[in-house]
N, C-alpha and C. Protein backbone atom coordinates (compact mmCIF):
# COMPACT_ATOMS: atom_id res chain seq x y z
N MET A 1 105.01 -185.58 -21.80
CA MET A 1 103.91 -184.92 -22.04
C MET A 1 104.98 -183.04 -22.02
N VAL A 2 104.72 -182.73 -23.14
CA VAL A 2 105.53 -180.92 -22.94
C VAL A 2 103.70 -180.32 -22.47
N VAL A 3 104.40 -179.55 -21.94
CA VAL A 3 103.06 -178.31 -21.90
C VAL A 3 103.91 -176.64 -22.15
N THR A 4 102.98 -176.18 -22.99
CA THR A 4 103.97 -175.28 -23.39
C THR A 4 103.55 -173.57 -22.72
N LEU A 5 104.03 -173.08 -21.71
CA LEU A 5 103.46 -171.74 -21.27
C LEU A 5 103.49 -170.81 -21.61
N ASP A 6 102.37 -169.61 -21.17
CA ASP A 6 102.69 -168.46 -21.95
C ASP A 6 103.75 -167.77 -21.03
N SER A 7 104.17 -166.34 -21.62
CA SER A 7 105.44 -165.67 -20.67
C SER A 7 104.86 -165.66 -18.96
N GLN A 8 103.64 -164.93 -19.14
CA GLN A 8 103.36 -164.54 -17.39
C GLN A 8 103.47 -166.06 -16.87
N LEU A 9 102.87 -166.99 -17.02
CA LEU A 9 102.62 -167.96 -16.11
C LEU A 9 104.22 -168.94 -16.21
N GLU A 10 104.85 -169.06 -17.20
CA GLU A 10 106.04 -169.56 -17.26
C GLU A 10 106.70 -168.44 -15.82
N ALA A 11 107.14 -167.19 -15.95
CA ALA A 11 107.03 -166.11 -15.04
C ALA A 11 106.46 -166.63 -13.54
N ALA A 12 105.68 -166.58 -13.49
CA ALA A 12 105.08 -166.41 -11.98
C ALA A 12 105.54 -168.48 -11.58
N LEU A 13 105.67 -169.48 -12.40
CA LEU A 13 106.02 -170.31 -12.05
C LEU A 13 106.97 -170.04 -11.19
N ASN A 14 108.13 -169.60 -12.59
CA ASN A 14 109.25 -169.68 -12.03
C ASN A 14 109.81 -169.17 -10.59
N GLU A 15 109.12 -167.81 -10.34
CA GLU A 15 109.27 -166.74 -9.16
C GLU A 15 109.06 -168.10 -8.04
N GLU A 16 108.08 -168.34 -8.28
CA GLU A 16 107.05 -169.01 -7.31
C GLU A 16 108.27 -170.27 -6.49
N ALA A 17 108.54 -171.40 -7.88
CA ALA A 17 109.76 -171.72 -7.50
C ALA A 17 111.14 -171.36 -6.69
N LYS A 18 111.83 -170.76 -7.24
CA LYS A 18 112.69 -169.99 -6.96
C LYS A 18 112.32 -169.76 -5.14
N ARG A 19 111.20 -168.69 -4.76
CA ARG A 19 110.87 -168.93 -3.83
C ARG A 19 110.99 -169.98 -2.81
N GLN A 20 110.42 -171.31 -3.46
CA GLN A 20 110.09 -172.31 -2.44
C GLN A 20 111.45 -172.79 -2.53
N GLY A 21 112.74 -173.07 -3.63
CA GLY A 21 113.28 -173.64 -3.30
C GLY A 21 113.71 -174.84 -4.03
N ILE A 22 112.48 -174.89 -4.98
CA ILE A 22 112.58 -176.19 -5.65
C ILE A 22 112.59 -175.89 -6.90
N ALA A 23 112.81 -176.96 -8.47
CA ALA A 23 112.45 -176.70 -9.74
C ALA A 23 111.92 -176.46 -9.98
N ALA A 24 111.15 -175.51 -10.99
CA ALA A 24 110.49 -175.41 -11.49
C ALA A 24 108.99 -176.05 -12.03
N GLU A 25 110.07 -177.69 -12.57
CA GLU A 25 108.99 -178.48 -13.05
C GLU A 25 108.51 -179.32 -11.99
N GLU A 26 109.50 -179.49 -10.51
CA GLU A 26 108.79 -180.17 -9.27
C GLU A 26 107.81 -179.32 -8.90
N LEU A 27 107.46 -177.72 -9.13
CA LEU A 27 106.64 -177.16 -8.72
C LEU A 27 105.38 -177.55 -9.47
N ALA A 28 105.68 -177.00 -10.59
CA ALA A 28 104.24 -177.47 -11.78
C ALA A 28 103.79 -178.84 -11.41
N ARG A 29 104.62 -180.84 -10.83
CA ARG A 29 103.87 -181.56 -10.83
C ARG A 29 103.16 -181.32 -9.30
N THR A 30 103.92 -180.36 -8.61
CA THR A 30 102.95 -180.93 -7.34
C THR A 30 102.04 -179.96 -7.04
N LEU A 31 101.67 -179.19 -8.01
CA LEU A 31 100.66 -178.15 -8.42
C LEU A 31 99.44 -179.02 -9.21
N LEU A 32 100.02 -179.89 -10.26
CA LEU A 32 99.06 -180.32 -11.04
C LEU A 32 98.26 -181.85 -10.20
N ARG A 33 99.44 -182.01 -9.45
CA ARG A 33 99.02 -183.58 -8.59
C ARG A 33 97.75 -182.74 -7.74
N GLU A 34 98.37 -181.77 -7.03
CA GLU A 34 97.41 -181.62 -5.99
C GLU A 34 96.00 -180.78 -6.70
N ARG A 35 96.23 -180.51 -7.60
CA ARG A 35 94.87 -179.94 -8.70
C ARG A 35 93.88 -180.95 -9.03
N LEU A 36 94.61 -181.97 -9.75
CA LEU A 36 94.10 -183.00 -10.37
C LEU A 36 93.70 -184.13 -9.41
N LEU A 37 94.47 -184.64 -8.45
CA LEU A 37 94.12 -185.78 -8.00
C LEU A 37 93.66 -185.65 -6.34
N ALA A 38 93.26 -184.18 -6.72
CA ALA A 38 92.22 -184.21 -4.56
C ALA A 38 91.41 -185.17 -4.50
N LYS A 39 90.99 -184.92 -3.36
CA LYS A 39 89.75 -185.51 -3.31
C LYS A 39 88.89 -184.59 -3.91
N PRO A 40 87.43 -185.28 -3.90
CA PRO A 40 86.47 -184.40 -3.94
C PRO A 40 85.87 -183.70 -2.96
N ARG A 41 85.50 -182.25 -2.62
CA ARG A 41 84.68 -181.64 -1.82
C ARG A 41 82.99 -182.66 -1.25
N LEU A 42 82.71 -182.81 0.12
CA LEU A 42 81.84 -183.02 -0.06
C LEU A 42 80.58 -182.03 -0.51
N GLU A 43 80.03 -182.64 -0.97
CA GLU A 43 78.79 -181.78 -1.57
C GLU A 43 77.47 -182.28 -1.15
N PRO A 44 76.54 -181.58 0.20
CA PRO A 44 75.38 -182.06 0.60
C PRO A 44 74.64 -182.28 0.12
N ARG A 45 73.80 -183.28 0.91
CA ARG A 45 72.55 -183.68 -0.07
C ARG A 45 70.96 -183.11 0.34
N ASP A 46 71.05 -182.43 1.40
CA ASP A 46 69.71 -181.61 2.04
C ASP A 46 70.42 -180.65 3.06
N GLU A 47 69.09 -180.48 3.54
CA GLU A 47 69.50 -178.81 3.90
C GLU A 47 70.16 -179.93 5.41
N TRP A 48 69.79 -180.80 6.49
CA TRP A 48 70.99 -181.02 6.89
C TRP A 48 72.32 -181.04 7.15
N GLU A 49 72.87 -181.88 5.98
CA GLU A 49 74.09 -182.10 5.08
C GLU A 49 74.64 -180.92 5.64
N ARG A 50 73.62 -179.83 4.58
CA ARG A 50 73.98 -178.00 4.54
C ARG A 50 74.52 -177.48 5.45
N GLU A 51 74.09 -177.43 7.01
CA GLU A 51 74.03 -176.93 8.32
C GLU A 51 74.64 -177.29 8.76
N LEU A 52 75.18 -178.90 8.69
CA LEU A 52 76.44 -179.76 9.64
C LEU A 52 77.71 -179.30 8.76
N LEU A 53 78.10 -178.91 6.96
CA LEU A 53 78.95 -178.62 6.92
C LEU A 53 79.57 -177.30 6.92
N ALA A 54 77.94 -176.74 7.32
CA ALA A 54 78.01 -174.78 7.68
C ALA A 54 78.98 -174.89 8.77
N ALA A 55 78.79 -175.62 9.86
CA ALA A 55 79.06 -175.43 11.53
C ALA A 55 80.83 -175.90 11.01
N THR A 56 81.42 -176.32 10.46
CA THR A 56 82.43 -176.52 10.60
C THR A 56 83.47 -175.99 10.14
N ARG A 57 84.03 -175.94 11.39
CA ARG A 57 85.54 -174.21 11.77
C ARG A 57 86.85 -175.35 11.84
N PRO A 58 88.04 -174.79 10.42
CA PRO A 58 89.04 -174.56 11.16
C PRO A 58 89.81 -174.03 12.25
N TRP A 59 89.37 -174.69 13.26
CA TRP A 59 90.07 -173.78 14.55
C TRP A 59 91.08 -173.75 15.29
N GLY A 60 91.82 -174.44 14.27
CA GLY A 60 93.36 -174.77 14.83
C GLY A 60 93.88 -175.14 16.18
N VAL A 61 93.26 -176.07 16.70
CA VAL A 61 93.44 -176.58 18.13
C VAL A 61 94.10 -178.03 17.81
N SER A 62 95.24 -178.58 18.25
CA SER A 62 95.49 -179.86 19.00
C SER A 62 95.76 -180.38 19.45
N PHE A 63 94.78 -181.22 20.04
CA PHE A 63 95.16 -181.99 21.26
C PHE A 63 96.17 -182.63 21.54
N SER A 64 96.65 -182.94 22.90
CA SER A 64 98.44 -183.65 22.83
C SER A 64 98.20 -185.42 22.87
N ASP A 65 98.99 -185.89 22.70
CA ASP A 65 98.62 -187.14 22.46
C ASP A 65 98.02 -187.72 23.83
N ALA A 66 98.71 -186.81 25.43
CA ALA A 66 98.06 -187.16 26.29
C ALA A 66 96.88 -187.08 26.65
N ALA A 67 96.11 -186.02 26.13
CA ALA A 67 94.49 -185.88 26.27
C ALA A 67 93.98 -186.58 25.07
N LEU A 68 94.25 -187.31 24.18
CA LEU A 68 93.43 -188.29 23.41
C LEU A 68 93.59 -189.39 24.10
N SER A 69 94.57 -189.36 25.24
CA SER A 69 94.90 -191.29 25.56
C SER A 69 92.73 -191.62 26.31
N SER A 70 93.09 -192.78 26.42
CA SER A 70 91.77 -193.16 27.24
C SER A 70 91.79 -192.61 28.78
N GLU A 71 92.87 -192.32 29.09
CA GLU A 71 92.97 -191.49 30.65
C GLU A 71 92.83 -189.90 30.54
N GLY A 72 93.30 -189.43 29.24
CA GLY A 72 93.15 -188.18 29.30
C GLY A 72 91.83 -187.42 28.79
N LEU A 73 90.90 -188.46 28.58
CA LEU A 73 89.74 -188.11 27.78
C LEU A 73 89.00 -187.98 29.33
N TYR A 74 88.89 -188.69 30.58
CA TYR A 74 88.35 -188.47 31.63
C TYR A 74 88.95 -187.65 32.72
N GLU A 75 89.57 -186.96 32.17
CA GLU A 75 90.00 -185.86 32.78
C GLU A 75 89.49 -184.41 32.36
């Protein structure tokens, strides 16, 4: 498949690829894969699911392996 890009899009793609240190073709494949093959977002079916999804936040917390072990869970 051959895709023709306008000059502005091609320049942006080349600039981003250079910044990431990869070929423009690889970046284009990666972006298309992420966009087109991404898992669909969860769509709430009722008010309870809407509230549950609204309550989720990326808090940025990661637990150590020890904290997630069976002994760590009880400490």
